[in-house]
N, C-alpha and C. Protein backbone atom coordinates (compact mmCIF):
# COMPACT_ATOMS: atom_id res chain seq x y z
N MET A 1 -8.38 67.50 -67.23
CA MET A 1 -10.00 67.33 -67.34
C MET A 1 -10.44 65.79 -67.61
N LYS A 2 -11.54 65.65 -67.02
CA LYS A 2 -11.80 64.05 -67.23
C LYS A 2 -12.71 63.92 -68.63
N ASP A 3 -12.61 63.09 -69.11
CA ASP A 3 -13.20 63.20 -70.65
C ASP A 3 -14.72 62.70 -70.29
N LEU A 4 -15.24 63.41 -71.56
CA LEU A 4 -16.86 63.57 -71.49
C LEU A 4 -17.64 62.06 -72.24
N ILE A 5 -18.35 61.24 -71.40
CA ILE A 5 -18.76 60.05 -72.28
C ILE A 5 -20.29 60.49 -72.70
N ASN A 6 -20.54 60.08 -73.96
CA ASN A 6 -21.67 60.23 -74.80
C ASN A 6 -22.42 58.94 -74.30
N ILE A 7 -23.74 59.12 -73.75
CA ILE A 7 -24.54 58.09 -73.49
C ILE A 7 -25.51 58.01 -74.71
N ALA A 8 -25.66 57.54 -75.60
CA ALA A 8 -26.79 57.22 -76.63
C ALA A 8 -27.50 56.40 -76.63
N ILE A 9 -29.00 56.93 -76.20
CA ILE A 9 -30.18 55.91 -75.73
C ILE A 9 -30.99 56.09 -77.19
N PRO A 10 -31.21 54.86 -77.79
CA PRO A 10 -32.48 54.93 -78.66
C PRO A 10 -33.75 54.64 -77.87
N ASN A 11 -34.92 55.36 -78.57
CA ASN A 11 -35.94 55.24 -77.91
C ASN A 11 -37.05 55.02 -78.72
N PHE A 12 -38.30 54.26 -78.25
CA PHE A 12 -39.34 54.18 -79.11
C PHE A 12 -40.35 53.62 -78.12
N ASN A 13 -41.49 54.26 -77.72
CA ASN A 13 -42.56 53.90 -76.95
C ASN A 13 -41.84 53.46 -75.32
N SER A 14 -40.82 53.51 -74.71
CA SER A 14 -40.01 53.03 -73.78
C SER A 14 -40.69 54.24 -72.35
N SER A 15 -41.89 54.54 -72.46
CA SER A 15 -42.47 55.44 -71.26
C SER A 15 -42.48 54.66 -69.89
N LEU A 16 -42.58 53.47 -69.95
CA LEU A 16 -42.33 52.35 -68.89
C LEU A 16 -41.19 52.45 -68.20
N THR A 17 -39.94 52.34 -68.95
CA THR A 17 -38.69 52.17 -68.44
C THR A 17 -37.74 53.25 -68.86
N ILE A 18 -37.82 54.39 -69.60
CA ILE A 18 -36.71 55.24 -70.05
C ILE A 18 -36.46 56.34 -68.82
N LEU A 19 -37.17 56.76 -67.76
CA LEU A 19 -36.84 57.37 -66.77
C LEU A 19 -35.84 56.82 -65.74
N GLU A 20 -36.06 55.23 -65.64
CA GLU A 20 -35.01 54.88 -64.61
C GLU A 20 -33.88 54.47 -65.20
N THR A 21 -33.85 54.44 -66.31
CA THR A 21 -32.23 54.46 -67.44
C THR A 21 -31.71 55.64 -67.14
N ILE A 22 -32.45 56.64 -67.90
CA ILE A 22 -31.83 58.03 -67.46
C ILE A 22 -31.70 58.35 -66.06
N ALA A 23 -31.93 57.97 -64.63
CA ALA A 23 -31.57 57.98 -63.81
C ALA A 23 -30.55 57.24 -63.33
N SER A 24 -30.31 56.10 -64.17
CA SER A 24 -29.04 55.34 -63.55
C SER A 24 -27.96 55.82 -64.12
N VAL A 25 -27.78 56.93 -65.09
CA VAL A 25 -27.04 57.82 -65.72
C VAL A 25 -26.79 59.06 -64.67
N VAL A 26 -27.99 59.62 -64.46
CA VAL A 26 -27.36 60.88 -63.61
C VAL A 26 -27.09 60.64 -62.19
N ASN A 27 -27.36 59.38 -61.68
CA ASN A 27 -26.87 59.11 -60.49
C ASN A 27 -25.38 58.09 -60.36
N GLN A 28 -24.60 58.38 -61.58
CA GLN A 28 -23.46 57.64 -61.88
C GLN A 28 -22.57 58.27 -60.74
N SER A 29 -21.42 57.70 -60.31
CA SER A 29 -20.56 58.45 -59.21
C SER A 29 -19.59 58.92 -60.35
N TYR A 30 -19.66 58.63 -61.63
CA TYR A 30 -18.48 59.53 -62.88
C TYR A 30 -19.54 60.44 -63.58
N HIS A 31 -19.47 61.76 -63.36
CA HIS A 31 -20.41 62.78 -63.74
C HIS A 31 -20.16 63.43 -64.93
N GLN A 32 -19.11 63.06 -65.88
CA GLN A 32 -18.79 63.69 -66.95
C GLN A 32 -19.39 62.88 -68.30
N TRP A 33 -20.72 63.34 -68.26
CA TRP A 33 -21.50 62.44 -69.35
C TRP A 33 -22.61 63.47 -70.09
N ILE A 34 -22.80 63.05 -71.23
CA ILE A 34 -23.71 63.98 -72.00
C ILE A 34 -24.63 62.70 -72.31
N ILE A 35 -26.11 62.77 -72.27
CA ILE A 35 -27.25 61.91 -72.69
C ILE A 35 -27.81 62.40 -74.20
N ASN A 36 -27.68 61.65 -74.92
CA ASN A 36 -28.40 61.69 -76.55
C ASN A 36 -29.40 60.76 -76.63
N ILE A 37 -30.62 61.11 -76.44
CA ILE A 37 -31.80 60.29 -76.69
C ILE A 37 -32.29 60.62 -78.06
N TYR A 38 -32.31 59.51 -78.87
CA TYR A 38 -32.67 59.32 -80.27
C TYR A 38 -34.24 59.08 -80.36
N ASP A 39 -34.94 60.03 -80.47
CA ASP A 39 -36.67 59.49 -80.44
C ASP A 39 -37.06 58.93 -81.67
N ASN A 40 -37.38 57.74 -81.63
CA ASN A 40 -37.96 57.02 -83.10
C ASN A 40 -39.44 57.48 -83.27
N ASP A 41 -39.87 58.57 -83.32
CA ASP A 41 -41.44 59.05 -83.61
C ASP A 41 -42.30 58.07 -82.37
N SER A 42 -42.23 58.16 -81.00
CA SER A 42 -42.60 57.64 -80.20
C SER A 42 -44.52 58.16 -80.40
N THR A 43 -44.96 57.17 -80.02
CA THR A 43 -46.38 57.30 -80.02
C THR A 43 -47.05 57.52 -78.61
N ASP A 44 -46.04 57.10 -77.76
CA ASP A 44 -46.75 56.81 -76.35
C ASP A 44 -46.13 58.42 -75.42
N ASP A 45 -45.86 58.36 -74.32
CA ASP A 45 -45.59 59.91 -73.72
C ASP A 45 -44.19 59.80 -73.16
N SER A 46 -43.29 59.08 -73.66
CA SER A 46 -41.92 58.97 -73.11
C SER A 46 -41.31 60.31 -73.06
N VAL A 47 -41.42 61.22 -74.16
CA VAL A 47 -40.55 62.10 -74.62
C VAL A 47 -41.39 63.30 -73.39
N LYS A 48 -42.37 63.38 -73.51
CA LYS A 48 -43.07 64.17 -72.29
C LYS A 48 -42.39 63.86 -70.91
N LYS A 49 -42.44 62.50 -70.69
CA LYS A 49 -42.26 62.39 -69.55
C LYS A 49 -40.55 62.59 -69.22
N ILE A 50 -39.63 62.43 -70.32
CA ILE A 50 -38.29 63.12 -70.05
C ILE A 50 -38.00 64.40 -69.91
N SER A 51 -38.74 65.43 -70.75
CA SER A 51 -38.80 66.71 -70.75
C SER A 51 -39.33 67.17 -69.29
N LYS A 52 -40.33 66.64 -68.89
CA LYS A 52 -40.87 67.13 -67.68
C LYS A 52 -39.85 66.74 -66.09
N LYS A 53 -39.43 65.48 -66.50
CA LYS A 53 -38.66 65.31 -64.96
C LYS A 53 -37.36 65.77 -65.34
N TYR A 54 -36.69 65.81 -66.47
CA TYR A 54 -35.23 66.03 -66.50
C TYR A 54 -34.98 67.67 -67.24
N ASN A 55 -36.09 68.59 -67.00
CA ASN A 55 -36.24 69.77 -67.75
C ASN A 55 -34.74 70.42 -67.27
N LYS A 56 -34.54 70.37 -66.29
CA LYS A 56 -33.09 71.17 -65.73
C LYS A 56 -31.87 70.77 -66.80
N LEU A 57 -31.79 69.40 -66.63
CA LEU A 57 -30.63 68.94 -67.38
C LEU A 57 -30.70 69.08 -69.02
N ILE A 58 -31.97 69.06 -69.38
CA ILE A 58 -32.19 69.32 -70.95
C ILE A 58 -31.86 70.98 -71.24
N THR A 59 -32.18 71.74 -70.27
CA THR A 59 -31.93 73.45 -70.52
C THR A 59 -30.48 73.31 -70.49
N GLU A 60 -29.83 72.76 -69.91
CA GLU A 60 -28.29 72.64 -69.43
C GLU A 60 -27.54 72.14 -70.48
N GLY A 61 -27.97 71.56 -71.50
CA GLY A 61 -27.60 70.94 -72.74
C GLY A 61 -26.85 69.17 -71.87
N ARG A 62 -27.23 68.92 -71.08
CA ARG A 62 -26.75 67.76 -70.18
C ARG A 62 -27.26 66.39 -71.03
N ILE A 63 -28.58 66.57 -71.38
CA ILE A 63 -29.46 65.52 -72.03
C ILE A 63 -30.39 66.25 -73.36
N LYS A 64 -29.80 65.66 -74.45
CA LYS A 64 -30.47 66.27 -75.56
C LYS A 64 -31.39 64.95 -76.27
N ILE A 65 -32.59 65.51 -76.82
CA ILE A 65 -33.33 64.69 -77.34
C ILE A 65 -33.44 65.21 -79.00
N HIS A 66 -33.03 64.02 -79.66
CA HIS A 66 -33.05 64.02 -81.45
C HIS A 66 -34.34 63.52 -81.57
N PRO A 67 -35.43 63.98 -82.13
CA PRO A 67 -36.71 63.26 -82.58
C PRO A 67 -36.51 63.09 -83.88
N ASN A 68 -37.10 61.87 -84.36
CA ASN A 68 -37.38 61.58 -85.56
C ASN A 68 -38.68 61.87 -86.12
N SER A 69 -38.74 62.43 -87.05
CA SER A 69 -40.04 63.01 -87.79
C SER A 69 -41.05 61.73 -88.33
N ASN A 70 -40.50 60.72 -88.69
CA ASN A 70 -41.12 59.62 -88.89
C ASN A 70 -40.56 58.34 -88.78
N PHE A 71 -41.63 57.24 -88.38
CA PHE A 71 -40.91 55.87 -87.89
C PHE A 71 -39.83 55.27 -88.80
N ILE A 72 -38.72 54.97 -88.13
CA ILE A 72 -37.90 54.02 -89.16
C ILE A 72 -37.21 52.79 -88.39
N SER A 73 -36.85 52.03 -88.82
CA SER A 73 -36.28 50.71 -88.22
C SER A 73 -35.79 50.53 -87.31
N GLN A 74 -35.64 49.80 -86.14
CA GLN A 74 -34.55 49.77 -84.95
C GLN A 74 -33.33 49.76 -85.54
N ALA A 75 -32.52 49.36 -86.29
CA ALA A 75 -31.51 49.41 -86.93
C ALA A 75 -31.25 50.48 -87.23
N GLU A 76 -32.12 51.27 -88.03
CA GLU A 76 -31.82 52.55 -88.42
C GLU A 76 -31.67 53.69 -87.55
N ASN A 77 -32.67 53.52 -86.17
CA ASN A 77 -32.37 54.39 -85.11
C ASN A 77 -31.03 54.18 -84.18
N TRP A 78 -30.67 53.00 -84.19
CA TRP A 78 -29.57 52.75 -83.67
C TRP A 78 -28.27 53.16 -84.71
N ASN A 79 -28.62 53.28 -85.63
CA ASN A 79 -27.38 54.08 -86.57
C ASN A 79 -27.43 55.56 -86.74
N ARG A 80 -28.66 56.18 -86.32
CA ARG A 80 -28.62 57.42 -85.76
C ARG A 80 -27.54 57.48 -84.46
N CYS A 81 -27.97 56.83 -83.67
CA CYS A 81 -26.75 56.98 -82.46
C CYS A 81 -25.60 56.95 -82.89
N LEU A 82 -25.14 55.94 -83.78
CA LEU A 82 -23.99 55.91 -84.01
C LEU A 82 -23.38 56.92 -85.06
N ASN A 83 -24.08 58.01 -85.85
CA ASN A 83 -23.73 59.02 -86.61
C ASN A 83 -23.16 59.64 -85.68
N ASP A 84 -23.55 60.13 -84.35
CA ASP A 84 -23.09 61.12 -83.35
C ASP A 84 -21.94 61.00 -82.67
N ILE A 85 -21.51 59.63 -82.83
CA ILE A 85 -20.50 59.16 -81.58
C ILE A 85 -19.28 59.40 -82.15
N SER A 86 -18.71 60.11 -83.39
CA SER A 86 -17.49 60.23 -83.72
C SER A 86 -16.89 61.96 -82.81
N SER A 87 -17.79 62.58 -82.23
CA SER A 87 -17.11 63.86 -81.72
C SER A 87 -16.80 63.41 -80.37
N TYR A 88 -17.25 62.20 -80.05
CA TYR A 88 -16.65 62.07 -78.28
C TYR A 88 -15.59 60.90 -78.31
N ARG A 89 -14.42 61.04 -77.56
CA ARG A 89 -13.51 59.91 -77.31
C ARG A 89 -14.30 58.72 -76.73
N TYR A 90 -15.03 58.80 -75.64
CA TYR A 90 -15.87 57.92 -75.09
C TYR A 90 -17.57 57.82 -75.49
N PHE A 91 -17.96 56.64 -75.47
CA PHE A 91 -19.49 56.57 -75.95
C PHE A 91 -19.82 55.14 -75.24
N THR A 92 -21.30 55.22 -75.24
CA THR A 92 -22.18 53.87 -74.46
C THR A 92 -22.99 54.17 -75.04
N LEU A 93 -24.22 52.98 -76.13
CA LEU A 93 -25.12 52.73 -76.56
C LEU A 93 -26.02 52.11 -75.40
N LEU A 94 -27.04 52.71 -74.85
CA LEU A 94 -27.73 52.12 -73.93
C LEU A 94 -29.38 52.06 -73.94
N CYS A 95 -29.55 50.71 -73.91
CA CYS A 95 -31.11 50.63 -74.23
C CYS A 95 -31.96 51.30 -73.52
N ALA A 96 -33.04 51.86 -73.60
CA ALA A 96 -33.90 52.66 -72.88
C ALA A 96 -34.69 51.62 -71.72
N ASP A 97 -34.45 50.48 -71.78
CA ASP A 97 -34.85 49.88 -70.50
C ASP A 97 -33.63 49.32 -69.94
N ASP A 98 -32.42 50.11 -70.07
CA ASP A 98 -30.97 49.35 -69.07
C ASP A 98 -30.98 50.41 -68.02
N ILE A 99 -30.47 49.56 -66.80
CA ILE A 99 -29.91 50.31 -65.96
C ILE A 99 -28.67 50.04 -65.33
N LEU A 100 -27.53 51.08 -65.27
CA LEU A 100 -26.73 51.20 -64.89
C LEU A 100 -26.35 51.02 -63.20
N GLU A 101 -25.32 50.09 -63.01
CA GLU A 101 -24.86 49.98 -61.60
C GLU A 101 -24.36 51.59 -61.36
N LYS A 102 -24.30 52.01 -59.96
CA LYS A 102 -23.75 53.37 -59.38
C LYS A 102 -22.20 53.67 -59.92
N ASN A 103 -21.47 52.69 -59.93
CA ASN A 103 -20.17 52.90 -60.69
C ASN A 103 -19.72 52.44 -61.98
N HIS A 104 -20.54 52.21 -62.73
CA HIS A 104 -20.50 51.43 -64.06
C HIS A 104 -19.40 52.28 -64.80
N LEU A 105 -20.16 53.62 -65.14
CA LEU A 105 -19.09 54.66 -65.91
C LEU A 105 -17.55 54.79 -65.17
N LYS A 106 -17.75 54.89 -64.20
CA LYS A 106 -15.86 55.08 -63.30
C LYS A 106 -15.37 53.68 -63.54
N THR A 107 -15.93 52.81 -63.70
CA THR A 107 -15.37 51.52 -63.81
C THR A 107 -14.72 51.20 -65.38
N ALA A 108 -15.88 51.84 -65.98
CA ALA A 108 -15.50 51.85 -67.45
C ALA A 108 -14.29 52.53 -67.83
N ILE A 109 -14.20 53.88 -67.70
CA ILE A 109 -13.39 55.10 -68.32
C ILE A 109 -12.11 54.51 -67.46
N ASN A 110 -12.09 54.35 -66.21
CA ASN A 110 -10.87 53.70 -65.45
C ASN A 110 -10.01 52.54 -66.52
N ALA A 111 -10.82 51.28 -66.57
CA ALA A 111 -10.47 50.37 -67.54
C ALA A 111 -9.88 50.81 -68.75
N LEU A 112 -10.70 52.02 -69.33
CA LEU A 112 -10.17 52.49 -70.59
C LEU A 112 -8.68 53.30 -70.49
N TYR A 113 -8.89 53.96 -69.42
CA TYR A 113 -7.77 54.89 -69.36
C TYR A 113 -6.53 54.07 -69.30
N ILE A 114 -6.50 52.74 -68.46
CA ILE A 114 -5.16 52.05 -68.24
C ILE A 114 -4.76 51.29 -69.27
N SER A 115 -5.79 51.20 -70.34
CA SER A 115 -5.58 50.04 -71.30
C SER A 115 -4.48 50.90 -72.28
N ASN A 116 -4.36 52.30 -72.37
CA ASN A 116 -3.27 53.10 -73.02
C ASN A 116 -3.85 52.88 -74.61
N ASN A 117 -5.02 52.76 -74.75
CA ASN A 117 -5.97 52.72 -76.13
C ASN A 117 -5.78 51.58 -76.69
N ASP A 118 -5.58 50.43 -75.86
CA ASP A 118 -5.59 49.07 -76.75
C ASP A 118 -6.55 48.44 -76.49
N VAL A 119 -7.68 49.02 -75.94
CA VAL A 119 -8.98 48.30 -75.64
C VAL A 119 -10.03 49.43 -76.36
N ALA A 120 -10.67 48.70 -77.19
CA ALA A 120 -11.69 49.63 -77.96
C ALA A 120 -13.02 49.23 -77.32
N GLY A 121 -13.45 48.47 -76.35
CA GLY A 121 -14.56 48.44 -75.41
C GLY A 121 -14.54 48.04 -73.98
N PHE A 122 -15.83 47.87 -73.50
CA PHE A 122 -15.91 47.73 -72.16
C PHE A 122 -17.29 47.02 -71.91
N SER A 123 -17.28 45.58 -71.41
CA SER A 123 -18.74 45.44 -71.02
C SER A 123 -18.66 44.76 -69.81
N SER A 124 -19.89 44.64 -69.38
CA SER A 124 -20.42 44.09 -67.75
C SER A 124 -21.14 43.07 -67.88
N ALA A 125 -21.76 42.90 -66.59
CA ALA A 125 -23.05 42.24 -66.14
C ALA A 125 -23.95 42.90 -66.57
N ILE A 126 -25.37 42.48 -66.88
CA ILE A 126 -26.54 42.86 -66.92
C ILE A 126 -27.93 42.37 -66.73
N ASN A 127 -28.44 43.48 -65.65
CA ASN A 127 -29.74 42.78 -65.01
C ASN A 127 -30.88 43.23 -65.89
N TYR A 128 -31.42 41.94 -66.17
CA TYR A 128 -32.85 42.50 -67.05
C TYR A 128 -34.09 42.72 -66.11
N ILE A 129 -34.94 44.03 -66.42
CA ILE A 129 -35.80 44.22 -65.55
C ILE A 129 -36.98 44.33 -66.13
N ASN A 130 -38.26 44.19 -65.54
CA ASN A 130 -39.70 44.16 -66.44
C ASN A 130 -39.88 45.85 -66.29
N HIS A 131 -41.17 46.06 -66.75
CA HIS A 131 -41.88 47.37 -66.67
C HIS A 131 -41.91 48.27 -65.06
N LYS A 132 -42.14 47.11 -63.78
CA LYS A 132 -42.13 47.44 -62.79
C LYS A 132 -40.66 47.65 -61.68
N ASN A 133 -39.63 47.51 -62.69
CA ASN A 133 -38.14 47.48 -61.91
C ASN A 133 -37.79 46.51 -61.29
N ILE A 134 -38.46 45.19 -61.51
CA ILE A 134 -37.99 43.93 -61.08
C ILE A 134 -37.13 43.36 -61.70
N ILE A 135 -36.20 42.81 -61.45
CA ILE A 135 -34.93 41.97 -62.08
C ILE A 135 -35.53 40.63 -62.04
N THR A 136 -35.57 40.80 -63.65
CA THR A 136 -36.16 39.28 -64.10
C THR A 136 -34.94 38.04 -64.63
N GLY A 137 -34.08 38.68 -64.70
CA GLY A 137 -32.67 37.90 -65.28
C GLY A 137 -31.63 38.48 -65.24
N TYR A 138 -30.34 37.90 -65.17
CA TYR A 138 -29.19 38.33 -65.08
C TYR A 138 -28.26 37.49 -66.11
N ARG A 139 -26.99 38.51 -66.78
CA ARG A 139 -26.24 37.81 -67.75
C ARG A 139 -25.08 38.62 -67.47
N SER A 140 -23.90 37.45 -67.61
CA SER A 140 -22.49 38.37 -67.62
C SER A 140 -21.73 38.07 -68.60
N TYR A 141 -21.29 39.17 -68.86
CA TYR A 141 -20.28 39.17 -70.03
C TYR A 141 -19.12 39.38 -69.59
N GLY A 142 -17.98 38.65 -70.26
CA GLY A 142 -16.41 39.28 -69.88
C GLY A 142 -16.20 39.52 -71.34
N PHE A 143 -15.40 40.53 -71.32
CA PHE A 143 -14.92 41.17 -72.50
C PHE A 143 -14.50 40.23 -73.70
N TYR A 144 -13.71 39.24 -73.35
CA TYR A 144 -12.97 38.26 -74.29
C TYR A 144 -14.11 37.00 -74.42
N SER A 145 -15.13 36.84 -73.57
CA SER A 145 -15.87 35.75 -73.45
C SER A 145 -16.38 35.59 -74.92
N LEU A 146 -16.80 34.07 -75.29
CA LEU A 146 -17.51 34.08 -76.45
C LEU A 146 -18.63 34.44 -76.67
N GLU A 147 -19.43 34.26 -75.58
CA GLU A 147 -20.99 34.47 -75.36
C GLU A 147 -21.35 36.14 -75.99
N PHE A 148 -20.01 37.03 -75.50
CA PHE A 148 -20.20 38.53 -75.70
C PHE A 148 -20.14 38.50 -77.31
N TRP A 149 -19.38 37.81 -78.05
CA TRP A 149 -19.06 38.04 -79.65
C TRP A 149 -20.04 37.54 -80.26
N VAL A 150 -20.48 36.03 -79.93
CA VAL A 150 -21.47 36.06 -80.60
C VAL A 150 -22.91 36.71 -80.16
N SER A 151 -22.98 37.27 -79.24
CA SER A 151 -24.41 37.95 -78.88
C SER A 151 -24.19 39.46 -79.84
N LEU A 152 -23.35 39.80 -79.69
CA LEU A 152 -22.72 41.12 -80.49
C LEU A 152 -22.93 40.84 -82.05
N PHE A 153 -22.47 39.93 -82.91
CA PHE A 153 -22.73 39.24 -83.93
C PHE A 153 -23.92 39.31 -84.43
N TYR A 154 -24.88 38.41 -83.56
CA TYR A 154 -26.27 37.84 -84.02
C TYR A 154 -27.11 39.18 -83.73
N ARG A 155 -26.67 40.00 -82.67
CA ARG A 155 -27.81 40.74 -82.33
C ARG A 155 -27.74 42.28 -83.48
N ASN A 156 -26.56 42.44 -84.08
CA ASN A 156 -26.46 43.46 -84.50
C ASN A 156 -26.01 43.04 -86.36
């Protein structure tokens, strides 16, 4: 059996982009995933839009929304995501404005399988998009490139 990948998505007022982010997971060539959305007391209609568009997947338990009753810092909401990852062998943190290429999860899981647990992470290129889903920039990360580690250090 293929391993389930936990896709953890922190959300705060991301109604302009989060549906496309979720669609990029739903349309993956690797289908063994669960999406956990950690909503940080959003004041927009992002949770309502998710609930309406992905009602069937929510009912099936493939998408779970974890609402926060009050606003917390972005770092604390990311920590909420990290608190639940221990029950999954594989996970990824996905921003609410990220879009995965169709084979991203399949490529990642295959790379991790052949690593014999010697690799603790997988990274790839990123397309930056705006609220109209137009690519506004591109960044390529190599797993061992200095830019990845510097970025990880300064962003976390």
